[in-house]
C-alpha atoms as a PDB file:
ATOM      1  CA  MET A   1       3.205   6.841 -18.536  1.00  0.00           C
ATOM      2  CA  ALA A   2      -0.590   7.612 -19.049  1.00  0.00           C
ATOM      3  CA  LYS A   3      -1.949  10.380 -17.875  1.00  0.00           C
ATOM      4  CA  THR A   4      -4.725   9.720 -14.957  1.00  0.00           C
ATOM      5  CA  SER A   5      -8.040  11.631 -14.559  1.00  0.00           C
ATOM      6  CA  LEU A   6      -6.345  13.423 -12.336  1.00  0.00           C
ATOM      7  CA  GLY A   7      -3.517  14.955 -15.270  1.00  0.00           C
ATOM      8  CA  ILE A   8      -1.044  13.338 -12.907  1.00  0.00           C
ATOM      9  CA  ASP A   9       1.741  10.449 -14.660  1.00  0.00           C
ATOM     10  CA  GLU A  10       0.063   7.293 -13.092  1.00  0.00           C
ATOM     11  CA  ASN A  11       3.784   6.674 -11.719  1.00  0.00           C
ATOM     12  CA  VAL A  12       3.793   9.611  -9.704  1.00  0.00           C
ATOM     13  CA  GLU A  13      -0.362   8.750  -8.814  1.00  0.00           C
ATOM     14  CA  ALA A  14       0.540   4.801  -8.480  1.00  0.00           C
ATOM     15  CA  LEU A  15       3.586   6.250  -5.696  1.00  0.00           C
ATOM     16  CA  LEU A  16       1.043   8.756  -3.732  1.00  0.00           C
ATOM     17  CA  SER A  17      -1.235   5.583  -3.260  1.00  0.00           C
ATOM     18  CA  TYR A  18       1.405   4.452  -0.418  1.00  0.00           C
ATOM     19  CA  LEU A  19       2.623   7.650   0.869  1.00  0.00           C
ATOM     20  CA  LEU A  20       0.630   8.564   3.600  1.00  0.00           C
ATOM     21  CA  GLY A  21       0.027   4.235   3.692  1.00  0.00           C
ATOM     22  CA  TRP A  22      -3.797   2.793   3.489  1.00  0.00           C
ATOM     23  CA  VAL A  23      -4.946   6.519   3.684  1.00  0.00           C
ATOM     24  CA  THR A  24      -3.417   7.924   1.164  1.00  0.00           C
ATOM     25  CA  GLY A  25      -4.672   3.662  -0.689  1.00  0.00           C
ATOM     26  CA  ILE A  26      -8.371   4.671   0.517  1.00  0.00           C
ATOM     27  CA  ILE A  27      -8.392   8.914  -0.949  1.00  0.00           C
ATOM     28  CA  PHE A  28      -6.519   6.976  -4.589  1.00  0.00           C
ATOM     29  CA  LEU A  29      -9.372   4.614  -4.880  1.00  0.00           C
ATOM     30  CA  LEU A  30     -12.014   6.878  -4.482  1.00  0.00           C
ATOM     31  CA  ILE A  31     -10.611   9.645  -6.874  1.00  0.00           C
ATOM     32  CA  GLU A  32      -9.059   7.987  -9.846  1.00  0.00           C
ATOM     33  CA  LYS A  33     -11.587   5.775 -11.861  1.00  0.00           C
ATOM     34  CA  GLU A  34      -9.353   5.827 -15.289  1.00  0.00           C
ATOM     35  CA  SER A  35      -6.208   4.148 -14.912  1.00  0.00           C
ATOM     36  CA  ARG A  36      -6.158   0.322 -12.675  1.00  0.00           C
ATOM     37  CA  PHE A  37      -2.680   0.939 -12.936  1.00  0.00           C
ATOM     38  CA  VAL A  38      -3.259   3.170 -10.036  1.00  0.00           C
ATOM     39  CA  ARG A  39      -6.037   1.338  -8.884  1.00  0.00           C
ATOM     40  CA  PHE A  40      -4.475  -1.769  -8.036  1.00  0.00           C
ATOM     41  CA  HIS A  41      -0.988   0.607  -6.276  1.00  0.00           C
ATOM     42  CA  ALA A  42      -3.946   2.687  -4.183  1.00  0.00           C
ATOM     43  CA  MET A  43      -5.996  -1.318  -3.330  1.00  0.00           C
ATOM     44  CA  GLN A  44      -2.764  -3.115  -2.821  1.00  0.00           C
ATOM     45  CA  SER A  45      -1.833  -0.587  -0.068  1.00  0.00           C
ATOM     46  CA  VAL A  46      -4.915  -0.706   1.411  1.00  0.00           C
ATOM     47  CA  VAL A  47      -4.973  -4.706   1.381  1.00  0.00           C
ATOM     48  CA  VAL A  48      -0.817  -4.366   3.075  1.00  0.00           C
ATOM     49  CA  PHE A  49      -0.961  -1.457   5.634  1.00  0.00           C
ATOM     50  CA  LEU A  50      -4.394  -2.048   6.777  1.00  0.00           C
ATOM     51  CA  SER A  51      -3.606  -5.251   8.108  1.00  0.00           C
ATOM     52  CA  ILE A  52      -0.423  -4.049   9.485  1.00  0.00           C
ATOM     53  CA  THR A  53      -1.459  -1.142  10.728  1.00  0.00           C
ATOM     54  CA  VAL A  54      -4.370  -4.065  12.671  1.00  0.00           C
ATOM     55  CA  LEU A  55      -1.822  -6.494  13.552  1.00  0.00           C
ATOM     56  CA  GLN A  56       0.655  -4.211  15.731  1.00  0.00           C
ATOM     57  CA  LEU A  57      -2.452  -3.747  17.388  1.00  0.00           C
ATOM     58  CA  LEU A  58      -3.523  -6.928  18.413  1.00  0.00           C
ATOM     59  CA  LEU A  59       0.417  -7.198  19.073  1.00  0.00           C
ATOM     60  CA  SER A  60       0.341  -4.615  21.169  1.00  0.00           C
ATOM     61  CA  PHE A  61      -2.185  -6.182  23.831  1.00  0.00           C
ATOM     62  CA  LEU A  62       0.732  -8.809  24.486  1.00  0.00           C
ATOM     63  CA  PRO A  63       3.167  -8.133  26.988  1.00  0.00           C
ATOM     64  CA  PHE A  64       6.533  -8.131  26.529  1.00  0.00           C
ATOM     65  CA  LEU A  65       6.373  -9.782  23.575  1.00  0.00           C
ATOM     66  CA  GLY A  66       4.136  -8.245  21.620  1.00  0.00           C
ATOM     67  CA  GLY A  67       6.175  -4.924  22.247  1.00  0.00           C
ATOM     68  CA  ILE A  68       9.122  -6.582  20.389  1.00  0.00           C
ATOM     69  CA  PHE A  69       6.934  -8.325  17.650  1.00  0.00           C
ATOM     70  CA  SER A  70       5.427  -5.252  17.493  1.00  0.00           C
ATOM     71  CA  SER A  71       8.272  -3.025  16.436  1.00  0.00           C
ATOM     72  CA  LEU A  72       9.943  -5.634  13.872  1.00  0.00           C
ATOM     73  CA  LEU A  73       6.323  -5.222  11.665  1.00  0.00           C
ATOM     74  CA  GLY A  74       7.231  -1.866  12.377  1.00  0.00           C
ATOM     75  CA  ILE A  75      10.864  -1.544  10.815  1.00  0.00           C
ATOM     76  CA  LEU A  76       9.519  -4.831   8.799  1.00  0.00           C
ATOM     77  CA  ALA A  77       6.838  -2.377   6.775  1.00  0.00           C
ATOM     78  CA  PHE A  78       8.531   0.782   6.992  1.00  0.00           C
ATOM     79  CA  ILE A  79      11.159  -1.264   4.113  1.00  0.00           C
ATOM     80  CA  LEU A  80       8.102  -2.459   2.535  1.00  0.00           C
ATOM     81  CA  TRP A  81       6.302   0.750   1.721  1.00  0.00           C
ATOM     82  CA  ILE A  82      10.188   1.966   0.405  1.00  0.00           C
ATOM     83  CA  VAL A  83      10.036  -0.935  -1.925  1.00  0.00           C
ATOM     84  CA  LEU A  84       6.676  -0.579  -2.428  1.00  0.00           C
ATOM     85  CA  MET A  85       6.781   3.959  -3.442  1.00  0.00           C
ATOM     86  CA  ILE A  86       9.908   2.711  -5.894  1.00  0.00           C
ATOM     87  CA  LYS A  87       8.684  -0.330  -8.024  1.00  0.00           C
ATOM     88  CA  ALA A  88       4.918   2.408  -8.111  1.00  0.00           C
ATOM     89  CA  TYR A  89       7.388   4.762  -9.336  1.00  0.00           C
ATOM     90  CA  GLN A  90       8.876   3.155 -12.238  1.00  0.00           C
ATOM     91  CA  GLY A  91       6.042   1.784 -13.269  1.00  0.00           C
ATOM     92  CA  GLU A  92       5.910  -1.806 -11.727  1.00  0.00           C
ATOM     93  CA  TYR A  93       3.247  -4.209 -11.465  1.00  0.00           C
ATOM     94  CA  TYR A  94       5.232  -5.571  -8.008  1.00  0.00           C
ATOM     95  CA  LYS A  95       2.928  -7.756  -6.254  1.00  0.00           C
ATOM     96  CA  VAL A  96       3.507  -7.847  -2.481  1.00  0.00           C
ATOM     97  CA  PRO A  97       2.580 -12.169  -2.352  1.00  0.00           C
ATOM     98  CA  ILE A  98      -1.002 -12.909  -1.061  1.00  0.00           C
ATOM     99  CA  ALA A  99      -2.058  -9.028  -0.145  1.00  0.00           C
ATOM    100  CA  GLY A 100      -1.013  -8.430  -3.978  1.00  0.00           C
ATOM    101  CA  ASP A 101      -3.470 -11.004  -4.953  1.00  0.00           C
ATOM    102  CA  LEU A 102      -6.164  -9.895  -3.164  1.00  0.00           C
ATOM    103  CA  ALA A 103      -6.126  -6.566  -4.314  1.00  0.00           C
ATOM    104  CA  GLU A 104      -6.635  -7.673  -8.127  1.00  0.00           C
ATOM    105  CA  SER A 105      -9.204 -10.024  -7.108  1.00  0.00           C
ATOM    106  CA  TYR A 106     -11.234  -7.098  -5.302  1.00  0.00           C
ATOM    107  CA  LEU A 107     -11.370  -4.450  -9.137  1.00  0.00           C
END
């Protein structure tokens, strides 16, 4: 793997862009200027996990069913988080449907 502007391997930096969800995604978008691979994963992290955060917030306003759907979404988000970190570490341009295309178009 190639080095990045931070001097870290691309796959490690891409994995780290998912570590704290959209927060680390934004951080790596701001500090990584050279690696398109890392910038793609950072942007995808922002798009995916910020969308999930907003959706969970909106669901929290619905009585009873909102809590159930929010919990299910949290479980799915956790699984997706693990998968995305593994794929990034393996050096794959793994695109989440819709969000991956959006992330690519924003770059």
